[in-house]
Every structure is written in structure tokens, then in C-alpha cells.
PDB file of N, CA and C in Angstrom:
ATOM      1  N   MET A   1     167.279 122.532  81.351  1.00  0.00           N
ATOM      2  CA  MET A   1     166.694 122.142  79.962  1.00  0.00           C
ATOM      3  C   MET A   1     167.029 121.037  79.435  1.00  0.00           C
ATOM      4  N   ALA A   2     167.961 120.538  79.296  1.00  0.00           N
ATOM      5  CA  ALA A   2     168.227 119.192  78.641  1.00  0.00           C
ATOM      6  C   ALA A   2     167.580 118.257  79.430  1.00  0.00           C
ATOM      7  N   ILE A   3     167.380 118.484  80.620  1.00  0.00           N
ATOM      8  CA  ILE A   3     166.483 117.634  81.638  1.00  0.00           C
ATOM      9  C   ILE A   3     165.059 117.175  80.607  1.00  0.00           C
ATOM     10  N   GLN A   4     164.804 118.081  80.740  1.00  0.00           N
ATOM     11  CA  GLN A   4     163.021 118.378  79.377  1.00  0.00           C
ATOM     12  C   GLN A   4     163.136 117.707  78.173  1.00  0.00           C
ATOM     13  N   ALA A   5     164.061 118.246  77.398  1.00  0.00           N
ATOM     14  CA  ALA A   5     164.394 117.669  75.920  1.00  0.00           C
ATOM     15  C   ALA A   5     164.395 116.220  76.262  1.00  0.00           C
ATOM     16  N   LEU A   6     165.513 115.623  76.874  1.00  0.00           N
ATOM     17  CA  LEU A   6     165.535 113.957  77.596  1.00  0.00           C
ATOM     18  C   LEU A   6     164.134 113.211  77.515  1.00  0.00           C
ATOM     19  N   ARG A   7     163.363 114.497  78.981  1.00  0.00           N
ATOM     20  CA  ARG A   7     162.811 113.511  78.647  1.00  0.00           C
ATOM     21  C   ARG A   7     160.873 113.771  77.544  1.00  0.00           C
ATOM     22  N   ASP A   8     161.531 114.724  76.800  1.00  0.00           N
ATOM     23  CA  ASP A   8     160.945 114.574  75.870  1.00  0.00           C
ATOM     24  C   ASP A   8     161.403 113.830  74.259  1.00  0.00           C
ATOM     25  N   ASP A   9     162.035 113.264  74.427  1.00  0.00           N
ATOM     26  CA  ASP A   9     162.903 112.641  73.828  1.00  0.00           C
ATOM     27  C   ASP A   9     162.590 110.685  74.303  1.00  0.00           C
ATOM     28  N   SER A  10     162.397 110.877  75.044  1.00  0.00           N
ATOM     29  CA  SER A  10     162.240 109.681  76.057  1.00  0.00           C
ATOM     30  C   SER A  10     160.503 109.487  75.572  1.00  0.00           C
ATOM     31  N   ALA A  11     160.071 110.714  76.017  1.00  0.00           N
ATOM     32  CA  ALA A  11     158.189 110.084  76.371  1.00  0.00           C
ATOM     33  C   ALA A  11     157.917 109.998  74.564  1.00  0.00           C
ATOM     34  N   SER A  12     158.431 110.465  73.070  1.00  0.00           N
ATOM     35  CA  SER A  12     158.494 110.438  71.948  1.00  0.00           C
ATOM     36  C   SER A  12     158.686 109.678  71.240  1.00  0.00           C
ATOM     37  N   SER A  13     160.025 108.721  71.700  1.00  0.00           N
ATOM     38  CA  SER A  13     160.101 107.065  71.202  1.00  0.00           C
ATOM     39  C   SER A  13     159.539 106.374  72.045  1.00  0.00           C
ATOM     40  N   LEU A  14     158.656 106.330  73.227  1.00  0.00           N
ATOM     41  CA  LEU A  14     157.978 105.419  74.029  1.00  0.00           C
ATOM     42  C   LEU A  14     156.528 104.897  72.980  1.00  0.00           C
ATOM     43  N   VAL A  15     156.041 106.250  72.332  1.00  0.00           N
ATOM     44  CA  VAL A  15     155.236 106.428  72.324  1.00  0.00           C
ATOM     45  C   VAL A  15     155.279 105.942  70.332  1.00  0.00           C
ATOM     46  N   ASP A  16     156.137 106.201  69.979  1.00  0.00           N
ATOM     47  CA  ASP A  16     156.754 105.665  68.524  1.00  0.00           C
ATOM     48  C   ASP A  16     156.830 103.932  69.011  1.00  0.00           C
ATOM     49  N   VAL A  17     157.325 103.222  69.850  1.00  0.00           N
ATOM     50  CA  VAL A  17     157.737 101.860  70.553  1.00  0.00           C
ATOM     51  C   VAL A  17     156.017 101.353  70.616  1.00  0.00           C
ATOM     52  N   ILE A  18     154.833 102.425  71.084  1.00  0.00           N
ATOM     53  CA  ILE A  18     153.750 101.599  71.080  1.00  0.00           C
ATOM     54  C   ILE A  18     152.940 101.534  69.904  1.00  0.00           C
ATOM     55  N   GLU A  19     153.496 102.809  68.941  1.00  0.00           N
ATOM     56  CA  GLU A  19     152.697 103.046  67.610  1.00  0.00           C
ATOM     57  C   GLU A  19     153.441 101.813  66.842  1.00  0.00           C
ATOM     58  N   ARG A  20     154.653 101.710  66.935  1.00  0.00           N
ATOM     59  CA  ARG A  20     154.788 100.653  65.468  1.00  0.00           C
ATOM     60  C   ARG A  20     154.039  98.757  66.591  1.00  0.00           C
ATOM     61  N   VAL A  21     154.275  98.864  68.013  1.00  0.00           N
ATOM     62  CA  VAL A  21     153.586  97.024  68.211  1.00  0.00           C
ATOM     63  C   VAL A  21     152.249  97.271  67.655  1.00  0.00           C
ATOM     64  N   LEU A  22     151.383  98.491  67.971  1.00  0.00           N
ATOM     65  CA  LEU A  22     149.884  98.452  67.453  1.00  0.00           C
ATOM     66  C   LEU A  22     149.762  98.729  66.016  1.00  0.00           C
ATOM     67  N   ASP A  23     151.089  98.572  65.171  1.00  0.00           N
ATOM     68  CA  ASP A  23     151.394  99.019  63.897  1.00  0.00           C
ATOM     69  C   ASP A  23     151.099  97.582  63.129  1.00  0.00           C
ATOM     70  N   LYS A  24     152.372  96.859  63.614  1.00  0.00           N
ATOM     71  CA  LYS A  24     152.550  95.791  63.088  1.00  0.00           C
ATOM     72  C   LYS A  24     152.150  95.011  64.274  1.00  0.00           C
ATOM     73  N   GLY A  25     151.941  94.541  65.427  1.00  0.00           N
ATOM     74  CA  GLY A  25     151.254  93.553  65.389  1.00  0.00           C
ATOM     75  C   GLY A  25     152.458  92.997  66.703  1.00  0.00           C
ATOM     76  N   VAL A  26     152.313  92.195  67.359  1.00  0.00           N
ATOM     77  CA  VAL A  26     152.791  91.166  67.993  1.00  0.00           C
ATOM     78  C   VAL A  26     152.583  90.290  68.709  1.00  0.00           C
ATOM     79  N   ILE A  27     152.570  89.099  68.790  1.00  0.00           N
ATOM     80  CA  ILE A  27     152.448  87.264  69.037  1.00  0.00           C
ATOM     81  C   ILE A  27     153.373  86.535  70.008  1.00  0.00           C
ATOM     82  N   ILE A  28     153.054  86.522  70.837  1.00  0.00           N
ATOM     83  CA  ILE A  28     153.727  85.732  72.132  1.00  0.00           C
ATOM     84  C   ILE A  28     153.388  84.540  72.655  1.00  0.00           C
ATOM     85  N   ASN A  29     154.378  83.888  72.212  1.00  0.00           N
ATOM     86  CA  ASN A  29     153.688  82.246  72.324  1.00  0.00           C
ATOM     87  C   ASN A  29     154.547  80.960  73.253  1.00  0.00           C
ATOM     88  N   ALA A  30     153.838  80.931  74.088  1.00  0.00           N
ATOM     89  CA  ALA A  30     154.968  80.149  75.648  1.00  0.00           C
ATOM     90  C   ALA A  30     154.171  79.035  76.193  1.00  0.00           C
ATOM     91  N   ASP A  31     154.692  77.796  75.826  1.00  0.00           N
ATOM     92  CA  ASP A  31     154.862  76.781  76.760  1.00  0.00           C
ATOM     93  C   ASP A  31     155.360  76.215  77.427  1.00  0.00           C
ATOM     94  N   ILE A  32     154.933  76.312  78.926  1.00  0.00           N
ATOM     95  CA  ILE A  32     155.393  76.057  79.923  1.00  0.00           C
ATOM     96  C   ILE A  32     155.335  74.749  80.473  1.00  0.00           C
ATOM     97  N   CYS A  33     156.249  74.139  81.105  1.00  0.00           N
ATOM     98  CA  CYS A  33     155.479  72.559  81.604  1.00  0.00           C
ATOM     99  C   CYS A  33     156.124  72.631  82.742  1.00  0.00           C
ATOM    100  N   VAL A  34     156.082  71.499  83.975  1.00  0.00           N
ATOM    101  CA  VAL A  34     156.505  71.448  85.311  1.00  0.00           C
ATOM    102  C   VAL A  34     156.836  70.008  85.006  1.00  0.00           C
ATOM    103  N   SER A  35     158.091  69.508  85.280  1.00  0.00           N
ATOM    104  CA  SER A  35     157.953  67.687  85.232  1.00  0.00           C
ATOM    105  C   SER A  35     158.814  67.388  86.480  1.00  0.00           C
ATOM    106  N   VAL A  36     158.448  65.937  86.799  1.00  0.00           N
ATOM    107  CA  VAL A  36     159.011  65.431  88.139  1.00  0.00           C
ATOM    108  C   VAL A  36     159.414  64.005  87.820  1.00  0.00           C
ATOM    109  N   ALA A  37     160.739  63.652  87.982  1.00  0.00           N
ATOM    110  CA  ALA A  37     160.861  62.360  86.739  1.00  0.00           C
ATOM    111  C   ALA A  37     160.384  62.110  85.738  1.00  0.00           C
ATOM    112  N   GLY A  38     160.393  62.549  84.320  1.00  0.00           N
ATOM    113  CA  GLY A  38     159.967  62.538  83.382  1.00  0.00           C
ATOM    114  C   GLY A  38     158.023  62.646  83.212  1.00  0.00           C
ATOM    115  N   VAL A  39     157.348  62.853  84.264  1.00  0.00           N
ATOM    116  CA  VAL A  39     156.192  62.993  84.732  1.00  0.00           C
ATOM    117  C   VAL A  39     155.698  64.452  84.505  1.00  0.00           C
ATOM    118  N   GLU A  40     154.666  65.038  83.323  1.00  0.00           N
ATOM    119  CA  GLU A  40     154.496  66.191  83.422  1.00  0.00           C
ATOM    120  C   GLU A  40     153.168  66.609  84.563  1.00  0.00           C
ATOM    121  N   LEU A  41     153.304  67.600  85.345  1.00  0.00           N
ATOM    122  CA  LEU A  41     152.743  67.532  86.255  1.00  0.00           C
ATOM    123  C   LEU A  41     151.331  68.863  85.959  1.00  0.00           C
ATOM    124  N   LEU A  42     152.876  70.046  85.239  1.00  0.00           N
ATOM    125  CA  LEU A  42     151.770  70.915  85.241  1.00  0.00           C
ATOM    126  C   LEU A  42     152.224  71.035  83.798  1.00  0.00           C
ATOM    127  N   GLY A  43     151.024  71.871  82.988  1.00  0.00           N
ATOM    128  CA  GLY A  43     151.255  72.194  81.684  1.00  0.00           C
ATOM    129  C   GLY A  43     150.217  73.479  81.109  1.00  0.00           C
ATOM    130  N   ILE A  44     151.293  74.232  80.902  1.00  0.00           N
ATOM    131  CA  ILE A  44     150.752  75.925  80.405  1.00  0.00           C
ATOM    132  C   ILE A  44     150.632  76.137  79.182  1.00  0.00           C
ATOM    133  N   LYS A  45     149.362  76.380  78.645  1.00  0.00           N
ATOM    134  CA  LYS A  45     150.266  77.120  76.918  1.00  0.00           C
ATOM    135  C   LYS A  45     148.985  78.699  76.979  1.00  0.00           C
ATOM    136  N   ILE A  46     150.212  79.319  76.485  1.00  0.00           N
ATOM    137  CA  ILE A  46     149.596  81.025  76.318  1.00  0.00           C
ATOM    138  C   ILE A  46     150.095  81.942  74.960  1.00  0.00           C
ATOM    139  N   ARG A  47     149.654  82.178  74.849  1.00  0.00           N
ATOM    140  CA  ARG A  47     148.973  82.982  73.109  1.00  0.00           C
ATOM    141  C   ARG A  47     148.161  84.644  73.691  1.00  0.00           C
ATOM    142  N   LEU A  48     149.319  85.381  72.998  1.00  0.00           N
ATOM    143  CA  LEU A  48     148.875  86.483  73.396  1.00  0.00           C
ATOM    144  C   LEU A  48     149.257  87.014  72.366  1.00  0.00           C
ATOM    145  N   ALA A  49     148.255  88.477  72.077  1.00  0.00           N
ATOM    146  CA  ALA A  49     148.860  89.483  70.803  1.00  0.00           C
ATOM    147  C   ALA A  49     148.132  90.707  71.124  1.00  0.00           C
ATOM    148  N   VAL A  50     148.631  91.027  70.743  1.00  0.00           N
ATOM    149  CA  VAL A  50     148.874  92.668  70.888  1.00  0.00           C
ATOM    150  C   VAL A  50     149.331  93.409  70.105  1.00  0.00           C
ATOM    151  N   ALA A  51     147.812  93.867  69.340  1.00  0.00           N
ATOM    152  CA  ALA A  51     147.405  94.853  67.976  1.00  0.00           C
ATOM    153  C   ALA A  51     146.514  95.318  68.012  1.00  0.00           C
ATOM    154  N   SER A  52     146.903  96.272  67.278  1.00  0.00           N
ATOM    155  CA  SER A  52     144.839  97.244  66.719  1.00  0.00           C
ATOM    156  C   SER A  52     144.413  96.610  66.203  1.00  0.00           C
ATOM    157  N   PHE A  53     142.889  96.880  66.402  1.00  0.00           N
ATOM    158  CA  PHE A  53     141.816  96.196  65.964  1.00  0.00           C
ATOM    159  C   PHE A  53     141.709  96.123  64.307  1.00  0.00           C
ATOM    160  N   GLU A  54     142.774  97.304  63.343  1.00  0.00           N
ATOM    161  CA  GLU A  54     142.837  97.461  62.196  1.00  0.00           C
ATOM    162  C   GLU A  54     143.927  96.117  61.825  1.00  0.00           C
ATOM    163  N   THR A  55     144.862  96.077  62.373  1.00  0.00           N
ATOM    164  CA  THR A  55     145.771  94.969  62.399  1.00  0.00           C
ATOM    165  C   THR A  55     146.124  93.938  62.940  1.00  0.00           C
ATOM    166  N   ALA A  56     144.608  93.649  63.511  1.00  0.00           N
ATOM    167  CA  ALA A  56     144.564  92.674  64.124  1.00  0.00           C
ATOM    168  C   ALA A  56     143.109  92.052  62.781  1.00  0.00           C
ATOM    169  N   ALA A  57     142.531  92.808  62.246  1.00  0.00           N
ATOM    170  CA  ALA A  57     141.495  93.140  60.858  1.00  0.00           C
ATOM    171  C   ALA A  57     142.242  92.535  60.282  1.00  0.00           C
ATOM    172  N   LYS A  58     143.573  93.205  59.874  1.00  0.00           N
ATOM    173  CA  LYS A  58     144.478  92.352  58.459  1.00  0.00           C
ATOM    174  C   LYS A  58     144.990  91.346  58.619  1.00  0.00           C
ATOM    175  N   TYR A  59     144.871  90.479  59.808  1.00  0.00           N
ATOM    176  CA  TYR A  59     145.839  89.660  59.256  1.00  0.00           C
ATOM    177  C   TYR A  59     144.762  88.488  60.234  1.00  0.00           C
ATOM    178  N   GLY A  60     143.438  88.932  60.203  1.00  0.00           N
ATOM    179  CA  GLY A  60     142.535  87.715  60.278  1.00  0.00           C
ATOM    180  C   GLY A  60     142.437  86.960  61.972  1.00  0.00           C
ATOM    181  N   LEU A  61     142.766  87.808  62.409  1.00  0.00           N
ATOM    182  CA  LEU A  61     142.752  87.298  64.197  1.00  0.00           C
ATOM    183  C   LEU A  61     140.720  87.075  64.516  1.00  0.00           C
ATOM    184  N   GLU A  62     140.207  86.580  65.287  1.00  0.00           N
ATOM    185  CA  GLU A  62     139.818  86.573  65.533  1.00  0.00           C
ATOM    186  C   GLU A  62     139.128  87.032  66.856  1.00  0.00           C
ATOM    187  N   PHE A  63     137.526  87.781  66.581  1.00  0.00           N
ATOM    188  CA  PHE A  63     137.330  88.976  67.600  1.00  0.00           C
ATOM    189  C   PHE A  63     136.524  88.874  68.384  1.00  0.00           C
ATOM    190  N   PRO A  64     136.534  88.920  69.402  1.00  0.00           N
ATOM    191  CA  PRO A  64     135.405  88.153  71.238  1.00  0.00           C
ATOM    192  C   PRO A  64     133.553  87.694  70.549  1.00  0.00           C
ATOM    193  N   SER A  65     133.143  86.968  70.866  1.00  0.00           N
ATOM    194  CA  SER A  65     131.978  87.208  70.534  1.00  0.00           C
ATOM    195  C   SER A  65     131.220  88.238  71.085  1.00  0.00           C
ATOM    196  N   GLY A  66     130.263  88.713  70.050  1.00  0.00           N
ATOM    197  CA  GLY A  66     129.220  90.108  70.537  1.00  0.00           C
ATOM    198  C   GLY A  66     129.956  91.130  70.048  1.00  0.00           C
ATOM    199  N   THR A  67     131.057  90.947  68.909  1.00  0.00           N
ATOM    200  CA  THR A  67     131.781  92.061  69.026  1.00  0.00           C
ATOM    201  C   THR A  67     130.902  93.250  67.426  1.00  0.00           C
ATOM    202  N   ASN A  68     130.252  94.018  67.234  1.00  0.00           N
ATOM    203  CA  ASN A  68     129.728  94.709  66.452  1.00  0.00           C
ATOM    204  C   ASN A  68     130.782  94.714  65.236  1.00  0.00           C
ATOM    205  N   LEU A  69     130.729  94.389  63.994  1.00  0.00           N
ATOM    206  CA  LEU A  69     131.450  94.473  62.910  1.00  0.00           C
ATOM    207  C   LEU A  69     130.646  95.467  61.895  1.00  0.00           C
ATOM    208  N   ASN A  70     129.808  95.613  62.238  1.00  0.00           N
ATOM    209  CA  ASN A  70     128.676  96.550  61.555  1.00  0.00           C
ATOM    210  C   ASN A  70     128.718  97.894  62.042  1.00  0.00           C
ATOM    211  N   THR A  71     130.324  98.763  61.789  1.00  0.00           N
ATOM    212  CA  THR A  71     129.637  99.790  62.093  1.00  0.00           C
ATOM    213  C   THR A  71     130.405 100.597  61.356  1.00  0.00           C
ATOM    214  N   ALA A  72     130.776 101.880  61.216  1.00  0.00           N
ATOM    215  CA  ALA A  72     131.427 103.212  60.723  1.00  0.00           C
ATOM    216  C   ALA A  72     133.150 102.721  60.467  1.00  0.00           C
ATOM    217  N   VAL A  73     133.418 102.574  62.062  1.00  0.00           N
ATOM    218  CA  VAL A  73     135.189 102.442  62.446  1.00  0.00           C
ATOM    219  C   VAL A  73     135.175 101.735  61.390  1.00  0.00           C
ATOM    220  N   TRP A  74     134.817 100.204  61.564  1.00  0.00           N
ATOM    221  CA  TRP A  74     135.109  99.455  60.936  1.00  0.00           C
ATOM    222  C   TRP A  74     134.628  99.133  59.462  1.00  0.00           C
ATOM    223  N   ASP A  75     134.153  99.952  58.842  1.00  0.00           N
ATOM    224  CA  ASP A  75     134.688 100.492  57.714  1.00  0.00           C
ATOM    225  C   ASP A  75     135.366 100.686  57.042  1.00  0.00           C
ATOM    226  N   ARG A  76     135.711 101.744  57.970  1.00  0.00           N
ATOM    227  CA  ARG A  76     136.819 102.763  57.984  1.00  0.00           C
ATOM    228  C   ARG A  76     138.855 101.501  57.348  1.00  0.00           C
ATOM    229  N   VAL A  77     138.301 100.687  58.675  1.00  0.00           N
ATOM    230  CA  VAL A  77     139.074  99.307  58.716  1.00  0.00           C
ATOM    231  C   VAL A  77     139.267  99.056  57.881  1.00  0.00           C
ATOM    232  N   LYS A  78     138.579  98.355  56.384  1.00  0.00           N
ATOM    233  CA  LYS A  78     138.292  97.837  56.081  1.00  0.00           C
ATOM    234  C   LYS A  78     139.007  98.144  54.556  1.00  0.00           C
ATOM    235  N   GLU A  79     138.593  99.798  54.620  1.00  0.00           N
ATOM    236  CA  GLU A  79     139.753 100.584  53.439  1.00  0.00           C
ATOM    237  C   GLU A  79     141.256 100.030  53.602  1.00  0.00           C
ATOM    238  N   ASP A  80     141.874 100.194  51.979  1.00  0.00           N
ATOM    239  CA  ASP A  80     143.037  99.876  52.037  1.00  0.00           C
ATOM    240  C   ASP A  80     144.045 101.305  51.999  1.00  0.00           C
ATOM    241  N   HIS A  81     144.762 101.192  52.613  1.00  0.00           N
ATOM    242  CA  HIS A  81     145.346 101.552  53.472  1.00  0.00           C
ATOM    243  C   HIS A  81     147.355 101.641  52.903  1.00  0.00           C
ATOM    244  N   GLU A  82     147.884 102.904  53.142  1.00  0.00           N
ATOM    245  CA  GLU A  82     149.360 102.936  52.120  1.00  0.00           C
ATOM    246  C   GLU A  82     150.005 104.046  53.666  1.00  0.00           C
ATOM    247  N   ARG A  83     150.982 103.482  53.438  1.00  0.00           N
ATOM    248  CA  ARG A  83     151.677 104.339  54.052  1.00  0.00           C
ATOM    249  C   ARG A  83     152.188 106.004  53.596  1.00  0.00           C
ATOM    250  N   CYS A  84     152.763 106.896  54.248  1.00  0.00           N
ATOM    251  CA  CYS A  84     153.068 107.861  53.597  1.00  0.00           C
ATOM    252  C   CYS A  84     154.274 108.348  53.737  1.00  0.00           C
ATOM    253  N   PRO A  85     154.542 108.647  52.641  1.00  0.00           N
ATOM    254  CA  PRO A  85     156.100 108.606  52.005  1.00  0.00           C
ATOM    255  C   PRO A  85     157.062 109.555  53.092  1.00  0.00           C
ATOM    256  N   GLN A  86     156.592 110.561  53.413  1.00  0.00           N
ATOM    257  CA  GLN A  86     157.029 111.190  54.120  1.00  0.00           C
ATOM    258  C   GLN A  86     157.184 110.836  56.017  1.00  0.00           C
ATOM    259  N   CYS A  87     155.938 110.947  56.510  1.00  0.00           N
ATOM    260  CA  CYS A  87     155.804 110.566  57.630  1.00  0.00           C
ATOM    261  C   CYS A  87     155.449 109.085  58.823  1.00  0.00           C
ATOM    262  N   GLY A  88     155.521 108.202  57.270  1.00  0.00           N
ATOM    263  CA  GLY A  88     155.222 107.106  57.831  1.00  0.00           C
ATOM    264  C   GLY A  88     153.854 106.110  57.984  1.00  0.00           C
ATOM    265  N   LYS A  89     152.881 107.242  58.443  1.00  0.00           N
ATOM    266  CA  LYS A  89     151.606 106.532  58.953  1.00  0.00           C
ATOM    267  C   LYS A  89     150.856 106.368  58.431  1.00  0.00           C
ATOM    268  N   GLN A  90     149.807 105.463  58.372  1.00  0.00           N
ATOM    269  CA  GLN A  90     148.973 104.849  57.565  1.00  0.00           C
ATOM    270  C   GLN A  90     147.688 105.924  57.206  1.00  0.00           C
ATOM    271  N   VAL A  91     147.846 105.946  56.000  1.00  0.00           N
ATOM    272  CA  VAL A  91     146.242 106.725  55.062  1.00  0.00           C
ATOM    273  C   VAL A  91     146.091 105.904  54.477  1.00  0.00           C
ATOM    274  N   PRO A  92     144.621 105.801  53.927  1.00  0.00           N
ATOM    275  CA  PRO A  92     143.833 105.541  52.954  1.00  0.00           C
ATOM    276  C   PRO A  92     144.424 106.077  51.840  1.00  0.00           C
ATOM    277  N   ILE A  93     144.399 105.576  51.078  1.00  0.00           N
ATOM    278  CA  ILE A  93     145.262 104.965  49.542  1.00  0.00           C
ATOM    279  C   ILE A  93     144.122 106.443  49.022  1.00  0.00           C
ATOM    280  N   HIS A  94     143.295 106.362  49.044  1.00  0.00           N
ATOM    281  CA  HIS A  94     142.518 107.612  48.208  1.00  0.00           C
ATOM    282  C   HIS A  94     142.539 108.964  48.600  1.00  0.00           C
ATOM    283  N   VAL A  95     143.011 108.777  49.906  1.00  0.00           N
ATOM    284  CA  VAL A  95     143.028 110.110  50.521  1.00  0.00           C
ATOM    285  C   VAL A  95     144.421 110.297  50.021  1.00  0.00           C
ATOM    286  N   LEU A  96     145.414 109.223  50.250  1.00  0.00           N
ATOM    287  CA  LEU A  96     146.895 110.236  49.896  1.00  0.00           C
ATOM    288  C   LEU A  96     147.641 110.022  48.477  1.00  0.00           C
ATOM    289  N   LEU A  97     146.298 109.934  47.676  1.00  0.00           N
ATOM    290  CA  LEU A  97     146.771 109.677  46.030  1.00  0.00           C
ATOM    291  C   LEU A  97     145.862 111.203  45.894  1.00  0.00           C
ATOM    292  N   ASN A  98     144.430 111.416  46.199  1.00  0.00           N
ATOM    293  CA  ASN A  98     143.986 112.593  45.871  1.00  0.00           C
ATOM    294  C   ASN A  98     143.496 113.591  47.066  1.00  0.00           C
ATOM    295  N   GLU A  99     144.603 113.595  47.757  1.00  0.00           N
ATOM    296  CA  GLU A  99     144.129 114.933  48.556  1.00  0.00           C
ATOM    297  C   GLU A  99     145.592 114.976  49.117  1.00  0.00           C
ATOM    298  N   SER A 100     146.392 115.087  50.374  1.00  0.00           N
ATOM    299  CA  SER A 100     147.330 114.593  50.841  1.00  0.00           C
ATOM    300  C   SER A 100     146.840 114.062  52.496  1.00  0.00           C
ATOM    301  N   CYS A 101     148.466 113.576  53.116  1.00  0.00           N
ATOM    302  CA  CYS A 101     148.634 113.205  54.180  1.00  0.00           C
ATOM    303  C   CYS A 101     147.968 114.065  55.282  1.00  0.00           C
ATOM    304  N   PRO A 102     147.211 113.499  55.919  1.00  0.00           N
ATOM    305  CA  PRO A 102     146.044 114.610  57.483  1.00  0.00           C
ATOM    306  C   PRO A 102     146.727 114.713  58.489  1.00  0.00           C
ATOM    307  N   TRP A 103     148.231 113.505  58.237  1.00  0.00           N
ATOM    308  CA  TRP A 103     149.519 113.933  59.792  1.00  0.00           C
ATOM    309  C   TRP A 103     150.809 114.699  59.637  1.00  0.00           C
ATOM    310  N   CYS A 104     151.124 115.066  58.269  1.00  0.00           N
ATOM    311  CA  CYS A 104     152.158 115.929  57.863  1.00  0.00           C
ATOM    312  C   CYS A 104     151.923 116.335  56.587  1.00  0.00           C
ATOM    313  N   GLY A 105     150.840 116.797  55.844  1.00  0.00           N
ATOM    314  CA  GLY A 105     150.556 117.619  54.567  1.00  0.00           C
ATOM    315  C   GLY A 105     151.019 117.109  52.995  1.00  0.00           C
ATOM    316  N   TRP A 106     152.093 115.569  53.381  1.00  0.00           N
ATOM    317  CA  TRP A 106     152.397 115.311  51.975  1.00  0.00           C
ATOM    318  C   TRP A 106     151.302 115.403  50.907  1.00  0.00           C
ATOM    319  N   ALA A 107     151.742 115.229  50.000  1.00  0.00           N
ATOM    320  CA  ALA A 107     150.932 115.484  48.648  1.00  0.00           C
ATOM    321  C   ALA A 107     151.354 114.936  47.899  1.00  0.00           C
ATOM    322  N   SER A 108     151.013 113.875  46.937  1.00  0.00           N
ATOM    323  CA  SER A 108     151.206 113.321  45.868  1.00  0.00           C
ATOM    324  C   SER A 108     151.255 114.414  44.400  1.00  0.00           C
ATOM    325  N   ALA A 109     152.234 113.358  43.314  1.00  0.00           N
ATOM    326  CA  ALA A 109     151.684 115.200  42.204  1.00  0.00           C
ATOM    327  C   ALA A 109     150.559 115.085  41.528  1.00  0.00           C
ATOM    328  N   LYS A 110     149.878 113.284  41.980  1.00  0.00           N
ATOM    329  CA  LYS A 110     148.223 113.625  41.568  1.00  0.00           C
ATOM    330  C   LYS A 110     147.284 114.821  42.025  1.00  0.00           C
ATOM    331  N   ALA A 111     147.650 114.900  43.492  1.00  0.00           N
ATOM    332  CA  ALA A 111     146.611 115.463  44.192  1.00  0.00           C
ATOM    333  C   ALA A 111     147.868 116.783  43.785  1.00  0.00           C
ATOM    334  N   MET A 112     148.716 116.883  43.722  1.00  0.00           N
ATOM    335  CA  MET A 112     148.630 118.604  43.291  1.00  0.00           C
ATOM    336  C   MET A 112     148.624 119.132  42.124  1.00  0.00           C
ATOM    337  N   MET A 113     148.199 118.393  41.205  1.00  0.00           N
ATOM    338  CA  MET A 113     148.434 118.850  40.044  1.00  0.00           C
ATOM    339  C   MET A 113     146.675 119.074  39.687  1.00  0.00           C
ATOM    340  N   SER A 114     145.993 118.271  40.239  1.00  0.00           N
ATOM    341  CA  SER A 114     144.570 118.394  40.682  1.00  0.00           C
ATOM    342  C   SER A 114     144.440 119.676  40.941  1.00  0.00           C
ATOM    343  N   ALA A 115     144.847 120.326  42.266  1.00  0.00           N
ATOM    344  CA  ALA A 115     144.485 121.268  43.068  1.00  0.00           C
ATOM    345  C   ALA A 115     144.466 122.916  42.031  1.00  0.00           C
ATOM    346  N   PRO A 116     143.914 123.608  42.746  1.00  0.00           N
ATOM    347  CA  PRO A 116     144.605 125.243  42.225  1.00  0.00           C
ATOM    348  C   PRO A 116     144.973 125.557  42.567  1.00  0.00           C
ATOM    349  N   VAL A 117     145.859 126.339  40.742  1.00  0.00           N
ATOM    350  CA  VAL A 117     146.979 126.466  40.843  1.00  0.00           C
ATOM    351  C   VAL A 117     148.005 127.493  42.098  1.00  0.00           C
ATOM    352  N   LEU A 118     146.667 128.520  42.198  1.00  0.00           N
ATOM    353  CA  LEU A 118     147.506 129.301  43.940  1.00  0.00           C
ATOM    354  C   LEU A 118     148.002 128.363  44.898  1.00  0.00           C
ATOM    355  N   LYS A 119     146.777 127.046  45.193  1.00  0.00           N
ATOM    356  CA  LYS A 119     147.547 126.300  46.419  1.00  0.00           C
ATOM    357  C   LYS A 119     148.757 125.720  45.707  1.00  0.00           C
ATOM    358  N   ARG A 120     149.436 125.301  44.484  1.00  0.00           N
ATOM    359  CA  ARG A 120     150.274 124.715  44.178  1.00  0.00           C
ATOM    360  C   ARG A 120     151.607 125.142  44.412  1.00  0.00           C
ATOM    361  N   ILE A 121     151.503 126.622  43.791  1.00  0.00           N
ATOM    362  CA  ILE A 121     152.511 127.152  44.092  1.00  0.00           C
ATOM    363  C   ILE A 121     153.144 128.076  45.270  1.00  0.00           C
ATOM    364  N   PRO A 122     154.227 127.433  46.024  1.00  0.00           N
ATOM    365  CA  PRO A 122     155.122 127.869  47.546  1.00  0.00           C
ATOM    366  C   PRO A 122     155.434 129.501  47.292  1.00  0.00           C
ATOM    367  N   HIS A 123     154.661 129.858  48.151  1.00  0.00           N
ATOM    368  CA  HIS A 123     154.843 131.254  48.979  1.00  0.00           C
ATOM    369  C   HIS A 123     156.103 131.365  49.499  1.00  0.00           C
ATOM    370  N   ARG A 124     156.641 132.522  49.459  1.00  0.00           N
ATOM    371  CA  ARG A 124     157.863 133.306  49.664  1.00  0.00           C
ATOM    372  C   ARG A 124     157.892 134.519  49.862  1.00  0.00           C
ATOM    373  N   ARG A 125     158.868 134.234  50.778  1.00  0.00           N
ATOM    374  CA  ARG A 125     158.556 135.995  51.796  1.00  0.00           C
ATOM    375  C   ARG A 125     160.401 135.985  51.916  1.00  0.00           C
TER     376      ARG A 125
END
């Protein structure tokens, strides 16, 4: 049973790492030179960016030619997002303020005030 718990923890931590990398983005620059007696024989420049399309668009990275940016998905990416205070996931601001977080259910004070009275009162058993 402890082995299964360990596997679940490592899998969830891997998912957390991947999510963070895609959310924040990682850029790797590497310049490799091979020279003999001060004469450069080989030069390699590597530029690698790993990020979600949303993060790449936010930071202004260029997309491959032929990428169709006139889709409903890109319209959602262009919306302003904010982190949920409870779970930390990116959620469109209007959803976070007026409704609730679709990931964890956190609701802002504004959303709670506009909700029906029966929905605002917690049920006790």
C-alpha cells in the first residue's frame, strides 16, 4: 500500500512539474564551439522554448508559419486570466469573479453575493 502511495505522489509531482513548465515556460540557450589552436571549426547555436501555446502567446513568441490564429481556442487564450487563490490554476478573470473556479469550486465574494440565497448557505448535517 505504501508503494502505491509513493507512485501516486511521484506521478502527481511529475504532473505538477509539467504543468508548471508549460504554465511558466522554459527557454534554453546553448552555444557550442569546437576549436583547435584558436581556430573555430564548428559552432552550434541552440535555442529551445518549451511552453504551452497560451504562455508562448503571452510572451510574444512566434509560431510556425501556417498556424491558424483565427480559432475559438485562440480567442480563449487571448482572454485575461488570473490564478485561483485556492488551487492556483489559470482561470479567465470574468469566470473567477462572477462564477467560481471550474477546478476547485472557489467562489469570490462577488460571485457569492450574486448567487441565490439557498446556494450561499452551507448545508450542515
